[in-house]
Amino acid sequence: MKYMRLVFLGSPQIALQSIKAIHEAGHNIVGVITQPDRPKGRKLIKTPTPVKKFALENQIKILTPTDLNDTDFVEQYKELKPEINVVVAYGRILPTWLIEHPDHGSINAHASLLPKWRGAAPIRRALMAGDKQSGVTIQQVVEKLDAGDILLQEKIAIEEADNNETMSQKVAVLAAKLLLKALDLIKKGELPKKRQDESKVSYAAKIEKDELKVSFSNNAVDLENIVKGLAPRPGAFIEKDGRRLKILKAKAARKNGEQGRVIEVSQEGILVGAKDGSLLLQIVQAEGSKQMAAFEYAKGHHIKEGDKLSELDS
């Protein structure tokens, strides 16, 4: 393998697998560009991104610009003299000068089978739509969001038990593998390019706060998929006794009943009427509490058949 001099742009946990793999493979990561430290937790302690933590541990130069066109940042970046930028969930749109500055431009690992699910939340949107497969695309970065030529692409099956957390883990592993392959092929001048089919584009908009509230007036299968796409964080929720109750695992069922009313409580969970069937709540988390089996929650809160479970459906 021929090693490349590169700048890595990434921030969250999903990007960590990629920077680790690139570093361990021997590529020269001359700099990391990541989001500034943000307040986290109940005490709002300023916390570095997972990618910044890795860079600190491995003595890699770190840049955390608030303005990607700031003169000082531009100078610091250009002094690094990268051959290529590698972008994995950095979290901001890159200006043209930064995309095009290295000899080999910029490549990005995107968590979908482009041109499907361009945008901020491809894994969540795939799950919420009930897709049976997802994947990773290595694309050439261009100014237009996720519209660059496809360099490499590989599918991942979405299994019945998958949620956003498990799919993110699968994507992280595959992205790292494909990025290493792409860097090797780019250095050899052998990487193929394929234009995206604009007629097949769909968009994965970021999740808005009002999407976290679920109503049992929705289709049961859609509710199951929404729960998968939002679990475990931030989590889909209903309102019970004026407090949020997160639904972390649920399954659509065929049994019919009044929307939002408990059909039965069993060891399997709480079965609640929905549109076109019902939803079996399996794992839940009450506000200020730990997650638990829905059956245990029902016992502790004296929930029984016939109760109205969600105030959103009253």
Protein backbone atom coordinates (compact mmCIF):
# COMPACT_ATOMS: atom_id res chain seq x y z
CA MET A 1 0.00 0.00 0.00
CA LYS A 2 1.16 3.53 -0.77
CA TYR A 3 0.55 5.87 2.14
CA MET A 4 -1.13 9.26 1.80
CA ARG A 5 -0.71 12.56 3.60
CA LEU A 6 -4.22 13.58 4.63
CA VAL A 7 -6.44 15.75 6.78
CA PHE A 8 -9.33 13.96 8.50
CA LEU A 9 -12.59 15.87 9.01
CA GLY A 10 -15.00 14.19 11.42
CA SER A 11 -16.65 14.57 14.79
CA PRO A 12 -18.97 11.89 16.29
CA GLN A 13 -18.54 8.28 17.37
CA ILE A 14 -19.44 6.93 13.91
CA ALA A 15 -16.28 8.61 12.50
CA LEU A 16 -13.98 7.08 15.10
CA GLN A 17 -13.65 3.69 13.42
CA SER A 18 -12.48 5.37 10.20
CA ILE A 19 -9.78 7.58 11.70
CA LYS A 20 -8.50 4.64 13.77
CA ALA A 21 -8.29 2.39 10.71
CA ILE A 22 -6.56 5.05 8.61
CA HIS A 23 -4.07 5.77 11.41
CA GLU A 24 -3.35 2.08 12.06
CA ALA A 25 -2.88 1.42 8.32
CA GLY A 26 0.06 3.84 8.34
CA HIS A 27 -1.38 6.82 6.47
CA ASN A 28 0.01 10.17 7.60
CA ILE A 29 -2.84 12.08 9.25
CA VAL A 30 -1.27 15.54 9.37
CA GLY A 31 -4.31 17.20 10.90
CA VAL A 32 -7.82 16.70 12.22
CA ILE A 33 -10.64 19.17 11.71
CA THR A 34 -13.49 18.58 14.14
CA GLN A 35 -16.33 20.42 15.85
CA PRO A 36 -15.50 22.64 18.85
CA ASP A 37 -16.03 21.25 22.37
CA ARG A 38 -19.71 21.36 23.38
CA PRO A 39 -21.43 21.35 26.80
CA LYS A 40 -22.71 17.85 27.62
CA GLY A 41 -24.57 16.07 30.38
CA ARG A 42 -26.54 17.48 33.28
CA LYS A 43 -23.58 19.57 34.44
CA LEU A 44 -23.01 20.90 30.90
CA ILE A 45 -19.29 20.15 31.00
CA LYS A 46 -17.49 21.14 27.79
CA THR A 47 -16.61 17.87 26.09
CA PRO A 48 -14.41 17.19 23.03
CA THR A 49 -15.73 15.13 20.13
CA PRO A 50 -14.69 11.45 19.97
CA VAL A 51 -12.48 12.29 16.97
CA LYS A 52 -10.74 15.09 18.91
CA LYS A 53 -10.11 12.70 21.82
CA PHE A 54 -8.44 10.27 19.41
CA ALA A 55 -6.30 13.04 17.91
CA LEU A 56 -5.20 14.17 21.38
CA GLU A 57 -4.25 10.60 22.34
CA ASN A 58 -2.18 10.24 19.15
CA GLN A 59 -0.55 13.70 19.07
CA ILE A 60 -2.27 14.72 15.82
CA LYS A 61 -2.68 18.45 15.14
CA ILE A 62 -6.26 19.57 15.84
CA LEU A 63 -8.22 22.42 14.28
CA THR A 64 -11.69 23.35 15.60
CA PRO A 65 -12.74 26.33 13.47
CA THR A 66 -16.06 28.06 13.97
CA ASP A 67 -15.62 29.70 10.54
CA LEU A 68 -14.14 27.60 7.75
CA ASN A 69 -13.25 30.77 5.83
CA ASP A 70 -11.42 32.41 8.72
CA THR A 71 -8.00 33.69 7.58
CA ASP A 72 -6.07 32.08 10.46
CA PHE A 73 -7.74 28.72 9.89
CA VAL A 74 -7.08 28.85 6.13
CA GLU A 75 -3.38 29.51 6.75
CA GLN A 76 -3.10 26.74 9.37
CA TYR A 77 -4.82 24.26 7.07
CA LYS A 78 -2.67 25.10 4.04
CA GLU A 79 0.50 24.68 6.10
CA LEU A 80 -0.47 21.00 6.56
CA LYS A 81 -0.07 20.37 2.79
CA PRO A 82 -2.44 17.40 2.56
CA GLU A 83 -2.73 15.28 -0.58
CA ILE A 84 -6.39 14.61 0.22
CA ASN A 85 -9.16 15.39 2.72
CA VAL A 86 -11.13 12.48 4.20
CA VAL A 87 -14.57 13.48 5.53
CA VAL A 88 -16.72 11.31 7.83
CA ALA A 89 -19.65 12.97 9.60
CA TYR A 90 -17.86 16.27 10.17
CA GLY A 91 -21.20 18.02 10.58
CA ARG A 92 -20.77 21.12 8.40
CA ILE A 93 -20.89 22.03 4.72
CA LEU A 94 -17.37 22.58 3.38
CA PRO A 95 -16.47 25.67 1.33
CA THR A 96 -15.25 25.08 -2.21
CA TRP A 97 -11.68 26.18 -1.49
CA LEU A 98 -11.33 23.53 1.23
CA ILE A 99 -12.90 20.78 -0.89
CA GLU A 100 -10.60 21.45 -3.83
CA HIS A 101 -7.32 22.48 -2.17
CA PRO A 102 -5.53 19.08 -2.00
CA ASP A 103 -4.26 17.49 -5.23
CA HIS A 104 -6.79 14.66 -4.84
CA GLY A 105 -9.58 16.86 -3.52
CA SER A 106 -11.84 15.46 -0.80
CA ILE A 107 -13.58 12.12 -0.34
CA ASN A 108 -16.45 11.32 2.00
CA ALA A 109 -17.94 8.16 3.50
CA HIS A 110 -21.72 8.62 3.40
CA ALA A 111 -24.04 6.25 5.27
CA SER A 112 -26.39 5.34 2.43
CA LEU A 113 -26.49 3.92 -1.07
CA LEU A 114 -26.32 7.23 -2.91
CA PRO A 115 -28.18 8.83 -4.57
CA LYS A 116 -30.72 7.52 -2.03
CA TRP A 117 -30.84 9.42 1.28
CA ARG A 118 -28.59 12.38 0.66
CA GLY A 119 -28.34 14.58 3.72
CA ALA A 120 -27.95 14.64 7.48
CA ALA A 121 -29.79 11.54 8.76
CA PRO A 122 -29.48 8.70 6.23
CA ILE A 123 -29.41 5.80 8.72
CA ARG A 124 -32.42 7.06 10.68
CA ARG A 125 -34.43 7.81 7.54
CA ALA A 126 -33.70 4.39 6.03
CA LEU A 127 -34.95 2.69 9.21
CA MET A 128 -37.98 4.96 9.53
CA ALA A 129 -38.93 4.26 5.93
CA GLY A 130 -38.76 0.50 6.51
CA ASP A 131 -35.88 -0.03 4.06
CA LYS A 132 -34.50 -3.56 3.94
CA GLN A 133 -30.97 -2.48 3.08
CA SER A 134 -28.61 0.42 3.55
CA GLY A 135 -24.90 0.76 2.92
CA VAL A 136 -21.92 3.03 2.57
CA THR A 137 -20.89 5.16 -0.40
CA ILE A 138 -17.44 6.66 -0.81
CA GLN A 139 -18.01 9.77 -2.89
CA GLN A 140 -15.94 12.58 -4.28
CA VAL A 141 -16.97 15.69 -2.34
CA VAL A 142 -18.44 18.52 -4.40
CA GLU A 143 -20.09 21.79 -3.40
CA LYS A 144 -23.62 20.38 -3.78
CA LEU A 145 -24.60 18.21 -0.78
CA ASP A 146 -23.81 14.49 -1.30
CA ALA A 147 -23.92 14.87 -5.09
CA GLY A 148 -20.37 13.85 -5.96
CA ASP A 149 -19.26 10.95 -8.14
CA ILE A 150 -19.55 7.51 -6.54
CA LEU A 151 -16.12 5.97 -6.01
CA LEU A 152 -17.00 2.84 -4.04
CA GLN A 153 -20.27 1.47 -2.69
CA GLU A 154 -21.30 -1.56 -0.64
CA LYS A 155 -24.66 -2.72 0.73
CA ILE A 156 -25.61 -3.68 4.30
CA ALA A 157 -28.75 -5.67 5.09
CA ILE A 158 -31.09 -4.09 7.65
CA GLU A 159 -32.05 -6.94 9.96
CA GLU A 160 -35.31 -7.22 11.90
CA ALA A 161 -33.60 -6.38 15.21
CA ASP A 162 -31.61 -3.39 13.93
CA ASN A 163 -32.07 0.13 15.21
CA ASN A 164 -30.11 3.35 14.72
CA GLU A 165 -27.40 2.24 17.15
CA THR A 166 -26.76 -1.18 15.61
CA MET A 167 -26.88 0.16 12.05
CA SER A 168 -24.47 2.97 12.95
CA GLN A 169 -22.02 0.36 14.24
CA LYS A 170 -22.29 -1.65 11.01
CA VAL A 171 -21.87 1.49 8.90
CA ALA A 172 -18.83 2.61 10.90
CA VAL A 173 -17.02 -0.69 10.28
CA LEU A 174 -17.84 -0.74 6.56
CA ALA A 175 -16.94 2.94 6.07
CA ALA A 176 -13.48 2.33 7.54
CA LYS A 177 -12.91 -0.64 5.26
CA LEU A 178 -14.02 1.20 2.11
CA LEU A 179 -12.02 4.33 2.92
CA LEU A 180 -8.82 2.30 3.20
CA LYS A 181 -9.58 0.68 -0.13
CA ALA A 182 -10.33 4.07 -1.71
CA LEU A 183 -7.10 5.66 -0.45
CA ASP A 184 -5.09 2.74 -1.82
CA LEU A 185 -6.77 2.96 -5.25
CA ILE A 186 -6.48 6.76 -5.40
CA LYS A 187 -2.74 6.58 -4.72
CA LYS A 188 -2.41 4.02 -7.53
CA GLY A 189 -4.59 6.11 -9.86
CA GLU A 190 -7.00 3.21 -10.26
CA LEU A 191 -10.20 4.43 -8.56
CA PRO A 192 -13.28 4.29 -10.81
CA LYS A 193 -15.85 7.10 -10.79
CA LYS A 194 -19.56 6.87 -11.51
CA ARG A 195 -21.98 9.79 -11.75
CA GLN A 196 -25.03 9.73 -9.51
CA ASP A 197 -28.42 9.24 -11.18
CA GLU A 198 -30.25 12.48 -10.34
CA SER A 199 -33.61 10.87 -11.16
CA LYS A 200 -33.20 8.54 -8.14
CA VAL A 201 -32.29 11.13 -5.51
CA SER A 202 -34.03 11.16 -2.12
CA TYR A 203 -33.18 13.27 0.93
CA ALA A 204 -32.59 12.41 4.58
CA ALA A 205 -33.46 15.59 6.42
CA LYS A 206 -32.30 15.94 10.02
CA ILE A 207 -34.74 14.73 12.66
CA GLU A 208 -36.91 17.52 14.04
CA LYS A 209 -38.06 17.58 17.67
CA ASP A 210 -41.73 17.16 16.79
CA GLU A 211 -40.90 13.87 15.04
CA LEU A 212 -39.93 12.33 18.39
CA LYS A 213 -43.54 12.43 19.61
CA VAL A 214 -45.44 9.39 18.40
CA SER A 215 -49.18 8.97 18.18
CA PHE A 216 -51.02 5.65 18.02
CA SER A 217 -53.16 7.16 15.26
CA ASN A 218 -50.23 6.21 13.01
CA ASN A 219 -49.93 2.90 11.19
CA ALA A 220 -48.51 0.17 13.49
CA VAL A 221 -45.75 -0.83 11.07
CA ASP A 222 -44.75 2.81 10.62
CA LEU A 223 -44.60 3.20 14.41
CA GLU A 224 -42.28 0.19 14.71
CA ASN A 225 -39.97 1.69 12.09
CA ILE A 226 -40.01 5.13 13.73
CA VAL A 227 -39.00 3.57 17.05
CA LYS A 228 -36.11 1.74 15.33
CA GLY A 229 -34.90 4.92 13.64
CA LEU A 230 -34.88 6.93 16.85
CA ALA A 231 -33.59 4.28 19.30
CA PRO A 232 -31.88 4.43 21.64
CA ARG A 233 -31.23 8.18 21.43
CA PRO A 234 -33.01 10.55 21.27
CA GLY A 235 -35.84 8.01 21.42
CA ALA A 236 -39.45 8.16 20.24
CA PHE A 237 -41.81 9.00 23.07
CA ILE A 238 -45.41 9.22 24.17
CA GLU A 239 -46.77 11.28 27.05
CA LYS A 240 -48.11 9.46 30.12
CA ASP A 241 -49.23 11.29 33.27
CA GLY A 242 -47.65 14.49 31.99
CA ARG A 243 -44.22 12.87 31.59
CA ARG A 244 -42.34 11.44 28.65
CA LEU A 245 -42.21 7.69 28.20
CA LYS A 246 -39.60 6.67 25.64
CA ILE A 247 -40.29 3.61 23.51
CA LEU A 248 -36.93 1.97 22.81
CA LYS A 249 -38.12 -1.32 21.31
CA ALA A 250 -41.50 -2.18 19.84
CA LYS A 251 -43.08 -4.51 17.32
CA ALA A 252 -46.13 -4.13 15.10
CA ALA A 253 -48.90 -6.68 15.71
CA ARG A 254 -52.10 -7.58 13.87
CA LYS A 255 -54.52 -7.48 16.81
CA ASN A 256 -56.88 -4.51 16.52
CA GLY A 257 -58.04 -2.16 19.26
CA GLU A 258 -58.84 1.45 20.02
CA GLN A 259 -55.95 3.72 19.10
CA GLY A 260 -53.84 4.57 22.14
CA ARG A 261 -55.70 2.19 24.46
CA VAL A 262 -54.07 -0.86 26.09
CA ILE A 263 -55.30 -4.11 24.55
CA GLU A 264 -53.38 -6.38 26.92
CA VAL A 265 -50.39 -6.53 29.25
CA SER A 266 -48.24 -9.67 29.22
CA GLN A 267 -44.67 -10.81 29.81
CA GLU A 268 -44.02 -9.78 26.19
CA GLY A 269 -44.96 -6.17 26.88
CA ILE A 270 -47.79 -3.68 26.58
CA LEU A 271 -49.97 -4.10 23.49
CA VAL A 272 -51.52 -0.80 22.41
CA GLY A 273 -54.08 -0.18 19.69
CA ALA A 274 -52.85 1.69 16.63
CA LYS A 275 -54.00 2.33 13.08
CA ASP A 276 -54.13 -0.92 11.06
CA GLY A 277 -53.18 -3.13 14.00
CA SER A 278 -51.38 -2.56 17.28
CA LEU A 279 -47.94 -1.89 18.70
CA LEU A 280 -46.29 -4.15 21.27
CA LEU A 281 -44.11 -1.99 23.53
CA GLN A 282 -41.19 -4.18 24.63
CA ILE A 283 -38.58 -1.84 26.19
CA VAL A 284 -39.42 1.60 27.56
CA GLN A 285 -37.79 4.33 29.62
CA ALA A 286 -39.71 6.67 31.87
CA GLU A 287 -38.46 10.22 32.28
CA GLY A 288 -35.65 10.28 34.86
CA SER A 289 -35.47 6.47 35.03
CA LYS A 290 -33.47 3.65 33.48
CA GLN A 291 -34.77 1.64 30.56
CA MET A 292 -36.78 -1.45 31.49
CA ALA A 293 -39.01 -4.16 30.09
CA ALA A 294 -42.42 -2.70 29.28
CA PHE A 295 -44.04 -5.45 31.38
CA GLU A 296 -42.09 -4.27 34.45
CA TYR A 297 -43.09 -0.67 33.75
CA ALA A 298 -46.74 -1.73 33.49
CA LYS A 299 -46.53 -3.53 36.85
CA GLY A 300 -44.91 -0.56 38.56
CA HIS A 301 -47.42 1.92 37.15
CA HIS A 302 -50.50 -0.32 37.47
CA ILE A 303 -51.23 -0.25 33.75
CA LYS A 304 -53.97 -2.63 32.72
CA GLU A 305 -56.19 -3.59 29.79
CA GLY A 306 -58.46 -0.73 28.72
CA ASP A 307 -56.22 2.09 30.02
CA LYS A 308 -55.50 5.03 27.77
CA LEU A 309 -51.73 4.96 27.51
CA SER A 310 -50.83 8.17 25.74
CA GLU A 311 -52.17 11.66 26.38
CA LEU A 312 -51.25 12.51 22.77
CA ASP A 313 -54.10 10.24 21.72
CA SER A 314 -56.76 11.50 24.14
